[in-house]
Amino acid sequence: MADQQTPVEAYGQLDQAQRTELATHFLEQMKQANHEDYEKYAHIDASTVTPEQLAELHDHTAKHLPNVFGTVMSHPVITAALAGFAVYELDRHLGKK
């Protein structure tokens, strides 16, 4: 089922412009949240971000910054290109526990 893809697989379906937009959004949201691990990811060049790097941002925010994760999973790029993936991930990380 498409919605049960790994983050690397899902982000690999996006073109570079879409990945750039999401990476920028992840990083801006982390910075706004004043997250202590922001500097660990600040080196990522959003213009050349890889699916693996986006997956790392995805996993980190899902675990440590649920509000940021929810905001990014609601981004228009995600909802247009990877809607099933976003819904599955939101439920998996922020749904009923």
PDB file of N, CA and C in Angstrom:
ATOM      1  N   MET A   1       0.844  -1.185   0.000  1.00  0.00           N
ATOM      2  CA  MET A   1       0.000   0.000   0.000  1.00  0.00           C
ATOM      3  C   MET A   1       0.884   1.241   0.000  1.00  0.00           C
ATOM      4  N   ALA A   2       0.573   2.197  -0.818  1.00  0.00           N
ATOM      5  CA  ALA A   2       1.409   3.392  -1.006  1.00  0.00           C
ATOM      6  C   ALA A   2       1.576   4.202   0.265  1.00  0.00           C
ATOM      7  N   ASP A   3       0.571   4.228   1.125  1.00  0.00           N
ATOM      8  CA  ASP A   3       0.661   5.065   2.316  1.00  0.00           C
ATOM      9  C   ASP A   3       1.569   4.469   3.382  1.00  0.00           C
ATOM     10  N   GLN A   4       2.036   3.244   3.204  1.00  0.00           N
ATOM     11  CA  GLN A   4       2.918   2.631   4.182  1.00  0.00           C
ATOM     12  C   GLN A   4       4.367   2.599   3.696  1.00  0.00           C
ATOM     13  N   GLN A   5       4.704   3.531   2.839  1.00  0.00           N
ATOM     14  CA  GLN A   5       6.073   3.670   2.359  1.00  0.00           C
ATOM     15  C   GLN A   5       6.964   4.176   3.483  1.00  0.00           C
ATOM     16  N   THR A   6       8.246   3.930   3.328  1.00  0.00           N
ATOM     17  CA  THR A   6       9.188   4.557   4.245  1.00  0.00           C
ATOM     18  C   THR A   6       9.307   6.030   3.855  1.00  0.00           C
ATOM     19  N   PRO A   7       9.745   6.865   4.772  1.00  0.00           N
ATOM     20  CA  PRO A   7       9.960   8.263   4.402  1.00  0.00           C
ATOM     21  C   PRO A   7      10.924   8.426   3.224  1.00  0.00           C
ATOM     22  N   VAL A   8      11.982   7.631   3.159  1.00  0.00           N
ATOM     23  CA  VAL A   8      12.935   7.741   2.048  1.00  0.00           C
ATOM     24  C   VAL A   8      12.224   7.436   0.730  1.00  0.00           C
ATOM     25  N   GLU A   9      11.403   6.396   0.705  1.00  0.00           N
ATOM     26  CA  GLU A   9      10.669   6.057  -0.518  1.00  0.00           C
ATOM     27  C   GLU A   9       9.704   7.173  -0.911  1.00  0.00           C
ATOM     28  N   ALA A  10       8.986   7.680   0.065  1.00  0.00           N
ATOM     29  CA  ALA A  10       8.009   8.736  -0.233  1.00  0.00           C
ATOM     30  C   ALA A  10       8.695   9.995  -0.735  1.00  0.00           C
ATOM     31  N   TYR A  11       9.726  10.454  -0.048  1.00  0.00           N
ATOM     32  CA  TYR A  11      10.416  11.666  -0.464  1.00  0.00           C
ATOM     33  C   TYR A  11      11.170  11.471  -1.773  1.00  0.00           C
ATOM     34  N   GLY A  12      11.515  10.234  -2.087  1.00  0.00           N
ATOM     35  CA  GLY A  12      12.159   9.932  -3.351  1.00  0.00           C
ATOM     36  C   GLY A  12      11.234  10.131  -4.545  1.00  0.00           C
ATOM     37  N   GLN A  13       9.946  10.162  -4.312  1.00  0.00           N
ATOM     38  CA  GLN A  13       8.973  10.386  -5.382  1.00  0.00           C
ATOM     39  C   GLN A  13       8.846  11.860  -5.758  1.00  0.00           C
ATOM     40  N   LEU A  14       9.343  12.734  -4.902  1.00  0.00           N
ATOM     41  CA  LEU A  14       9.242  14.171  -5.152  1.00  0.00           C
ATOM     42  C   LEU A  14      10.369  14.635  -6.056  1.00  0.00           C
ATOM     43  N   ASP A  15      10.117  15.685  -6.807  1.00  0.00           N
ATOM     44  CA  ASP A  15      11.212  16.259  -7.583  1.00  0.00           C
ATOM     45  C   ASP A  15      12.047  17.159  -6.671  1.00  0.00           C
ATOM     46  N   GLN A  16      13.187  17.614  -7.175  1.00  0.00           N
ATOM     47  CA  GLN A  16      14.103  18.391  -6.331  1.00  0.00           C
ATOM     48  C   GLN A  16      13.459  19.673  -5.806  1.00  0.00           C
ATOM     49  N   ALA A  17      12.657  20.344  -6.617  1.00  0.00           N
ATOM     50  CA  ALA A  17      12.011  21.579  -6.166  1.00  0.00           C
ATOM     51  C   ALA A  17      11.069  21.301  -4.986  1.00  0.00           C
ATOM     52  N   GLN A  18      10.355  20.185  -5.038  1.00  0.00           N
ATOM     53  CA  GLN A  18       9.455  19.830  -3.941  1.00  0.00           C
ATOM     54  C   GLN A  18      10.254  19.472  -2.689  1.00  0.00           C
ATOM     55  N   ARG A  19      11.333  18.710  -2.862  1.00  0.00           N
ATOM     56  CA  ARG A  19      12.180  18.373  -1.708  1.00  0.00           C
ATOM     57  C   ARG A  19      12.782  19.630  -1.094  1.00  0.00           C
ATOM     58  N   THR A  20      13.217  20.560  -1.938  1.00  0.00           N
ATOM     59  CA  THR A  20      13.780  21.821  -1.453  1.00  0.00           C
ATOM     60  C   THR A  20      12.756  22.579  -0.629  1.00  0.00           C
ATOM     61  N   GLU A  21      11.547  22.665  -1.119  1.00  0.00           N
ATOM     62  CA  GLU A  21      10.495  23.382  -0.394  1.00  0.00           C
ATOM     63  C   GLU A  21      10.212  22.739   0.963  1.00  0.00           C
ATOM     64  N   LEU A  22      10.152  21.415   1.000  1.00  0.00           N
ATOM     65  CA  LEU A  22       9.900  20.733   2.275  1.00  0.00           C
ATOM     66  C   LEU A  22      11.067  20.873   3.238  1.00  0.00           C
ATOM     67  N   ALA A  23      12.290  20.737   2.744  1.00  0.00           N
ATOM     68  CA  ALA A  23      13.457  20.882   3.618  1.00  0.00           C
ATOM     69  C   ALA A  23      13.483  22.276   4.225  1.00  0.00           C
ATOM     70  N   THR A  24      13.223  23.278   3.403  1.00  0.00           N
ATOM     71  CA  THR A  24      13.178  24.654   3.898  1.00  0.00           C
ATOM     72  C   THR A  24      12.123  24.793   4.982  1.00  0.00           C
ATOM     73  N   HIS A  25      10.972  24.186   4.756  1.00  0.00           N
ATOM     74  CA  HIS A  25       9.886  24.261   5.734  1.00  0.00           C
ATOM     75  C   HIS A  25      10.264  23.538   7.038  1.00  0.00           C
ATOM     76  N   PHE A  26      10.823  22.329   6.933  1.00  0.00           N
ATOM     77  CA  PHE A  26      11.285  21.600   8.124  1.00  0.00           C
ATOM     78  C   PHE A  26      12.261  22.470   8.917  1.00  0.00           C
ATOM     79  N   LEU A  27      13.275  23.006   8.229  1.00  0.00           N
ATOM     80  CA  LEU A  27      14.320  23.763   8.916  1.00  0.00           C
ATOM     81  C   LEU A  27      13.801  25.067   9.514  1.00  0.00           C
ATOM     82  N   GLU A  28      12.946  25.774   8.783  1.00  0.00           N
ATOM     83  CA  GLU A  28      12.365  27.006   9.322  1.00  0.00           C
ATOM     84  C   GLU A  28      11.531  26.721  10.565  1.00  0.00           C
ATOM     85  N   GLN A  29      10.751  25.664  10.515  1.00  0.00           N
ATOM     86  CA  GLN A  29       9.911  25.317  11.664  1.00  0.00           C
ATOM     87  C   GLN A  29      10.750  24.903  12.876  1.00  0.00           C
ATOM     88  N   MET A  30      11.824  24.162  12.632  1.00  0.00           N
ATOM     89  CA  MET A  30      12.713  23.776  13.731  1.00  0.00           C
ATOM     90  C   MET A  30      13.353  25.006  14.354  1.00  0.00           C
ATOM     91  N   LYS A  31      13.781  25.940  13.504  1.00  0.00           N
ATOM     92  CA  LYS A  31      14.417  27.161  14.006  1.00  0.00           C
ATOM     93  C   LYS A  31      13.418  27.991  14.806  1.00  0.00           C
ATOM     94  N   GLN A  32      12.203  28.144  14.292  1.00  0.00           N
ATOM     95  CA  GLN A  32      11.168  28.905  15.000  1.00  0.00           C
ATOM     96  C   GLN A  32      10.825  28.273  16.349  1.00  0.00           C
ATOM     97  N   ALA A  33      10.901  26.957  16.414  1.00  0.00           N
ATOM     98  CA  ALA A  33      10.619  26.255  17.665  1.00  0.00           C
ATOM     99  C   ALA A  33      11.790  26.359  18.637  1.00  0.00           C
ATOM    100  N   ASN A  34      12.891  26.963  18.170  1.00  0.00           N
ATOM    101  CA  ASN A  34      14.091  27.109  18.986  1.00  0.00           C
ATOM    102  C   ASN A  34      14.568  25.749  19.506  1.00  0.00           C
ATOM    103  N   HIS A  35      14.496  24.775  18.625  1.00  0.00           N
ATOM    104  CA  HIS A  35      14.851  23.395  18.985  1.00  0.00           C
ATOM    105  C   HIS A  35      16.358  23.257  19.158  1.00  0.00           C
ATOM    106  N   GLU A  36      16.771  22.627  20.230  1.00  0.00           N
ATOM    107  CA  GLU A  36      18.194  22.520  20.541  1.00  0.00           C
ATOM    108  C   GLU A  36      18.978  21.739  19.489  1.00  0.00           C
ATOM    109  N   ASP A  37      18.345  20.873  18.722  1.00  0.00           N
ATOM    110  CA  ASP A  37      19.036  20.112  17.689  1.00  0.00           C
ATOM    111  C   ASP A  37      19.031  20.795  16.323  1.00  0.00           C
ATOM    112  N   TYR A  38      18.514  22.017  16.248  1.00  0.00           N
ATOM    113  CA  TYR A  38      18.469  22.709  14.954  1.00  0.00           C
ATOM    114  C   TYR A  38      19.851  22.773  14.306  1.00  0.00           C
ATOM    115  N   GLU A  39      20.878  23.095  15.070  1.00  0.00           N
ATOM    116  CA  GLU A  39      22.235  23.234  14.521  1.00  0.00           C
ATOM    117  C   GLU A  39      22.733  21.933  13.900  1.00  0.00           C
ATOM    118  N   LYS A  40      22.267  20.806  14.404  1.00  0.00           N
ATOM    119  CA  LYS A  40      22.649  19.498  13.851  1.00  0.00           C
ATOM    120  C   LYS A  40      22.186  19.369  12.398  1.00  0.00           C
ATOM    121  N   TYR A  41      21.095  20.047  12.048  1.00  0.00           N
ATOM    122  CA  TYR A  41      20.514  19.940  10.713  1.00  0.00           C
ATOM    123  C   TYR A  41      20.692  21.201   9.869  1.00  0.00           C
ATOM    124  N   ALA A  42      21.164  22.275  10.456  1.00  0.00           N
ATOM    125  CA  ALA A  42      21.273  23.556   9.760  1.00  0.00           C
ATOM    126  C   ALA A  42      22.230  23.499   8.570  1.00  0.00           C
ATOM    127  N   HIS A  43      23.126  22.545   8.553  1.00  0.00           N
ATOM    128  CA  HIS A  43      24.087  22.415   7.449  1.00  0.00           C
ATOM    129  C   HIS A  43      23.448  21.884   6.168  1.00  0.00           C
ATOM    130  N   ILE A  44      22.257  21.319   6.255  1.00  0.00           N
ATOM    131  CA  ILE A  44      21.610  20.736   5.078  1.00  0.00           C
ATOM    132  C   ILE A  44      21.325  21.834   4.062  1.00  0.00           C
ATOM    133  N   ASP A  45      21.787  21.622   2.858  1.00  0.00           N
ATOM    134  CA  ASP A  45      21.543  22.562   1.765  1.00  0.00           C
ATOM    135  C   ASP A  45      20.188  22.203   1.160  1.00  0.00           C
ATOM    136  N   ALA A  46      19.197  23.017   1.427  1.00  0.00           N
ATOM    137  CA  ALA A  46      17.840  22.717   0.966  1.00  0.00           C
ATOM    138  C   ALA A  46      17.764  22.589  -0.552  1.00  0.00           C
ATOM    139  N   SER A  47      18.627  23.278  -1.274  1.00  0.00           N
ATOM    140  CA  SER A  47      18.555  23.235  -2.736  1.00  0.00           C
ATOM    141  C   SER A  47      19.038  21.906  -3.315  1.00  0.00           C
ATOM    142  N   THR A  48      19.762  21.128  -2.524  1.00  0.00           N
ATOM    143  CA  THR A  48      20.249  19.827  -2.993  1.00  0.00           C
ATOM    144  C   THR A  48      19.877  18.694  -2.029  1.00  0.00           C
ATOM    145  N   VAL A  49      18.900  18.936  -1.173  1.00  0.00           N
ATOM    146  CA  VAL A  49      18.529  17.952  -0.161  1.00  0.00           C
ATOM    147  C   VAL A  49      18.150  16.616  -0.806  1.00  0.00           C
ATOM    148  N   THR A  50      18.566  15.537  -0.178  1.00  0.00           N
ATOM    149  CA  THR A  50      18.280  14.195  -0.680  1.00  0.00           C
ATOM    150  C   THR A  50      17.056  13.623   0.043  1.00  0.00           C
ATOM    151  N   PRO A  51      16.452  12.589  -0.527  1.00  0.00           N
ATOM    152  CA  PRO A  51      15.356  11.923   0.183  1.00  0.00           C
ATOM    153  C   PRO A  51      15.794  11.405   1.555  1.00  0.00           C
ATOM    154  N   GLU A  52      17.032  10.953   1.649  1.00  0.00           N
ATOM    155  CA  GLU A  52      17.551  10.444   2.925  1.00  0.00           C
ATOM    156  C   GLU A  52      17.634  11.550   3.978  1.00  0.00           C
ATOM    157  N   GLN A  53      18.074  12.728   3.561  1.00  0.00           N
ATOM    158  CA  GLN A  53      18.151  13.853   4.497  1.00  0.00           C
ATOM    159  C   GLN A  53      16.758  14.293   4.930  1.00  0.00           C
ATOM    160  N   LEU A  54      15.822  14.328   3.993  1.00  0.00           N
ATOM    161  CA  LEU A  54      14.445  14.675   4.362  1.00  0.00           C
ATOM    162  C   LEU A  54      13.876  13.641   5.321  1.00  0.00           C
ATOM    163  N   ALA A  55      14.177  12.383   5.087  1.00  0.00           N
ATOM    164  CA  ALA A  55      13.699  11.328   5.979  1.00  0.00           C
ATOM    165  C   ALA A  55      14.279  11.499   7.384  1.00  0.00           C
ATOM    166  N   GLU A  56      15.526  11.928   7.465  1.00  0.00           N
ATOM    167  CA  GLU A  56      16.145  12.177   8.769  1.00  0.00           C
ATOM    168  C   GLU A  56      15.430  13.320   9.491  1.00  0.00           C
ATOM    169  N   LEU A  57      15.132  14.404   8.768  1.00  0.00           N
ATOM    170  CA  LEU A  57      14.366  15.518   9.353  1.00  0.00           C
ATOM    171  C   LEU A  57      12.982  15.042   9.774  1.00  0.00           C
ATOM    172  N   HIS A  58      12.358  14.250   8.930  1.00  0.00           N
ATOM    173  CA  HIS A  58      11.038  13.686   9.193  1.00  0.00           C
ATOM    174  C   HIS A  58      11.046  12.893  10.502  1.00  0.00           C
ATOM    175  N   ASP A  59      11.970  11.935  10.602  1.00  0.00           N
ATOM    176  CA  ASP A  59      12.035  11.074  11.779  1.00  0.00           C
ATOM    177  C   ASP A  59      12.337  11.868  13.049  1.00  0.00           C
ATOM    178  N   HIS A  60      13.252  12.822  12.936  1.00  0.00           N
ATOM    179  CA  HIS A  60      13.628  13.617  14.107  1.00  0.00           C
ATOM    180  C   HIS A  60      12.454  14.456  14.610  1.00  0.00           C
ATOM    181  N   THR A  61      11.777  15.145  13.696  1.00  0.00           N
ATOM    182  CA  THR A  61      10.664  15.990  14.137  1.00  0.00           C
ATOM    183  C   THR A  61       9.498  15.153  14.636  1.00  0.00           C
ATOM    184  N   ALA A  62       9.262  13.996  14.018  1.00  0.00           N
ATOM    185  CA  ALA A  62       8.180  13.124  14.488  1.00  0.00           C
ATOM    186  C   ALA A  62       8.420  12.706  15.940  1.00  0.00           C
ATOM    187  N   LYS A  63       9.673  12.449  16.264  1.00  0.00           N
ATOM    188  CA  LYS A  63      10.012  11.986  17.614  1.00  0.00           C
ATOM    189  C   LYS A  63      10.116  13.116  18.632  1.00  0.00           C
ATOM    190  N   HIS A  64      10.696  14.253  18.220  1.00  0.00           N
ATOM    191  CA  HIS A  64      11.020  15.305  19.179  1.00  0.00           C
ATOM    192  C   HIS A  64      10.186  16.580  19.080  1.00  0.00           C
ATOM    193  N   LEU A  65       9.579  16.811  17.932  1.00  0.00           N
ATOM    194  CA  LEU A  65       8.836  18.061  17.716  1.00  0.00           C
ATOM    195  C   LEU A  65       7.499  17.764  17.028  1.00  0.00           C
ATOM    196  N   PRO A  66       6.563  17.168  17.737  1.00  0.00           N
ATOM    197  CA  PRO A  66       5.303  16.786  17.092  1.00  0.00           C
ATOM    198  C   PRO A  66       4.549  17.947  16.459  1.00  0.00           C
ATOM    199  N   ASN A  67       4.638  19.141  17.010  1.00  0.00           N
ATOM    200  CA  ASN A  67       3.954  20.289  16.396  1.00  0.00           C
ATOM    201  C   ASN A  67       4.577  20.648  15.056  1.00  0.00           C
ATOM    202  N   VAL A  68       5.897  20.631  14.981  1.00  0.00           N
ATOM    203  CA  VAL A  68       6.594  20.890  13.724  1.00  0.00           C
ATOM    204  C   VAL A  68       6.250  19.791  12.720  1.00  0.00           C
ATOM    205  N   PHE A  69       6.280  18.555  13.175  1.00  0.00           N
ATOM    206  CA  PHE A  69       5.962  17.431  12.303  1.00  0.00           C
ATOM    207  C   PHE A  69       4.560  17.582  11.718  1.00  0.00           C
ATOM    208  N   GLY A  70       3.598  17.914  12.545  1.00  0.00           N
ATOM    209  CA  GLY A  70       2.231  18.102  12.075  1.00  0.00           C
ATOM    210  C   GLY A  70       2.117  19.231  11.070  1.00  0.00           C
ATOM    211  N   THR A  71       2.838  20.311  11.306  1.00  0.00           N
ATOM    212  CA  THR A  71       2.822  21.445  10.384  1.00  0.00           C
ATOM    213  C   THR A  71       3.400  21.050   9.032  1.00  0.00           C
ATOM    214  N   VAL A  72       4.514  20.355   9.028  1.00  0.00           N
ATOM    215  CA  VAL A  72       5.137  19.962   7.763  1.00  0.00           C
ATOM    216  C   VAL A  72       4.279  18.926   7.031  1.00  0.00           C
ATOM    217  N   MET A  73       3.684  17.992   7.751  1.00  0.00           N
ATOM    218  CA  MET A  73       2.847  16.984   7.099  1.00  0.00           C
ATOM    219  C   MET A  73       1.580  17.601   6.507  1.00  0.00           C
ATOM    220  N   SER A  74       1.266  18.823   6.907  1.00  0.00           N
ATOM    221  CA  SER A  74       0.109  19.535   6.348  1.00  0.00           C
ATOM    222  C   SER A  74       0.505  20.485   5.224  1.00  0.00           C
ATOM    223  N   HIS A  75       1.780  20.553   4.894  1.00  0.00           N
ATOM    224  CA  HIS A  75       2.271  21.453   3.847  1.00  0.00           C
ATOM    225  C   HIS A  75       1.646  21.069   2.504  1.00  0.00           C
ATOM    226  N   PRO A  76       1.339  22.051   1.657  1.00  0.00           N
ATOM    227  CA  PRO A  76       0.709  21.756   0.357  1.00  0.00           C
ATOM    228  C   PRO A  76       1.475  20.761  -0.526  1.00  0.00           C
ATOM    229  N   VAL A  77       2.800  20.758  -0.473  1.00  0.00           N
ATOM    230  CA  VAL A  77       3.559  19.787  -1.279  1.00  0.00           C
ATOM    231  C   VAL A  77       3.239  18.374  -0.818  1.00  0.00           C
ATOM    232  N   ILE A  78       3.201  18.183   0.474  1.00  0.00           N
ATOM    233  CA  ILE A  78       2.888  16.853   1.011  1.00  0.00           C
ATOM    234  C   ILE A  78       1.456  16.483   0.684  1.00  0.00           C
ATOM    235  N   THR A  79       0.537  17.381   0.957  1.00  0.00           N
ATOM    236  CA  THR A  79      -0.876  17.036   0.758  1.00  0.00           C
ATOM    237  C   THR A  79      -1.206  16.795  -0.707  1.00  0.00           C
ATOM    238  N   ALA A  80      -0.524  17.471  -1.619  1.00  0.00           N
ATOM    239  CA  ALA A  80      -0.789  17.272  -3.043  1.00  0.00           C
ATOM    240  C   ALA A  80      -0.100  16.018  -3.587  1.00  0.00           C
ATOM    241  N   ALA A  81       1.155  15.829  -3.243  1.00  0.00           N
ATOM    242  CA  ALA A  81       1.937  14.754  -3.842  1.00  0.00           C
ATOM    243  C   ALA A  81       1.906  13.454  -3.046  1.00  0.00           C
ATOM    244  N   LEU A  82       1.810  13.561  -1.740  1.00  0.00           N
ATOM    245  CA  LEU A  82       1.948  12.379  -0.880  1.00  0.00           C
ATOM    246  C   LEU A  82       0.871  12.334   0.196  1.00  0.00           C
ATOM    247  N   ALA A  83      -0.359  12.590  -0.178  1.00  0.00           N
ATOM    248  CA  ALA A  83      -1.449  12.687   0.800  1.00  0.00           C
ATOM    249  C   ALA A  83      -1.584  11.427   1.643  1.00  0.00           C
ATOM    250  N   GLY A  84      -1.607  10.267   1.020  1.00  0.00           N
ATOM    251  CA  GLY A  84      -1.764   9.018   1.774  1.00  0.00           C
ATOM    252  C   GLY A  84      -0.626   8.802   2.743  1.00  0.00           C
ATOM    253  N   PHE A  85       0.579   9.103   2.316  1.00  0.00           N
ATOM    254  CA  PHE A  85       1.750   8.985   3.177  1.00  0.00           C
ATOM    255  C   PHE A  85       1.621   9.910   4.382  1.00  0.00           C
ATOM    256  N   ALA A  86       1.224  11.161   4.135  1.00  0.00           N
ATOM    257  CA  ALA A  86       1.105  12.141   5.218  1.00  0.00           C
ATOM    258  C   ALA A  86       0.067  11.714   6.241  1.00  0.00           C
ATOM    259  N   VAL A  87      -1.077  11.247   5.780  1.00  0.00           N
ATOM    260  CA  VAL A  87      -2.137  10.817   6.697  1.00  0.00           C
ATOM    261  C   VAL A  87      -1.657   9.642   7.533  1.00  0.00           C
ATOM    262  N   TYR A  88      -1.028   8.677   6.884  1.00  0.00           N
ATOM    263  CA  TYR A  88      -0.507   7.511   7.597  1.00  0.00           C
ATOM    264  C   TYR A  88       0.526   7.925   8.652  1.00  0.00           C
ATOM    265  N   GLU A  89       1.455   8.792   8.275  1.00  0.00           N
ATOM    266  CA  GLU A  89       2.502   9.223   9.198  1.00  0.00           C
ATOM    267  C   GLU A  89       1.940  10.046  10.360  1.00  0.00           C
ATOM    268  N   LEU A  90       1.000  10.924  10.076  1.00  0.00           N
ATOM    269  CA  LEU A  90       0.378  11.699  11.160  1.00  0.00           C
ATOM    270  C   LEU A  90      -0.302  10.772  12.150  1.00  0.00           C
ATOM    271  N   ASP A  91      -1.043   9.802  11.654  1.00  0.00           N
ATOM    272  CA  ASP A  91      -1.724   8.866  12.534  1.00  0.00           C
ATOM    273  C   ASP A  91      -0.722   8.026  13.315  1.00  0.00           C
ATOM    274  N   ARG A  92       0.328   7.592  12.635  1.00  0.00           N
ATOM    275  CA  ARG A  92       1.330   6.742  13.278  1.00  0.00           C
ATOM    276  C   ARG A  92       2.082   7.479  14.390  1.00  0.00           C
ATOM    277  N   HIS A  93       2.422   8.733  14.150  1.00  0.00           N
ATOM    278  CA  HIS A  93       3.227   9.474  15.116  1.00  0.00           C
ATOM    279  C   HIS A  93       2.414  10.333  16.077  1.00  0.00           C
ATOM    280  N   LEU A  94       1.268  10.808  15.647  1.00  0.00           N
ATOM    281  CA  LEU A  94       0.496  11.737  16.491  1.00  0.00           C
ATOM    282  C   LEU A  94      -0.884  11.202  16.846  1.00  0.00           C
ATOM    283  N   GLY A  95      -1.241  10.049  16.302  1.00  0.00           N
ATOM    284  CA  GLY A  95      -2.561   9.478  16.533  1.00  0.00           C
ATOM    285  C   GLY A  95      -2.665   8.837  17.898  1.00  0.00           C
ATOM    286  N   LYS A  96      -3.650   8.027  18.000  1.00  0.00           N
ATOM    287  CA  LYS A  96      -3.899   7.331  19.283  1.00  0.00           C
ATOM    288  C   LYS A  96      -2.702   6.476  19.661  1.00  0.00           C
ATOM    289  N   LYS A  97      -2.372   6.525  20.921  1.00  0.00           N
ATOM    290  CA  LYS A  97      -1.239   5.728  21.436  1.00  0.00           C
ATOM    291  C   LYS A  97      -1.747   4.666  22.359  1.00  0.00           C
TER     292      LYS A  97
END
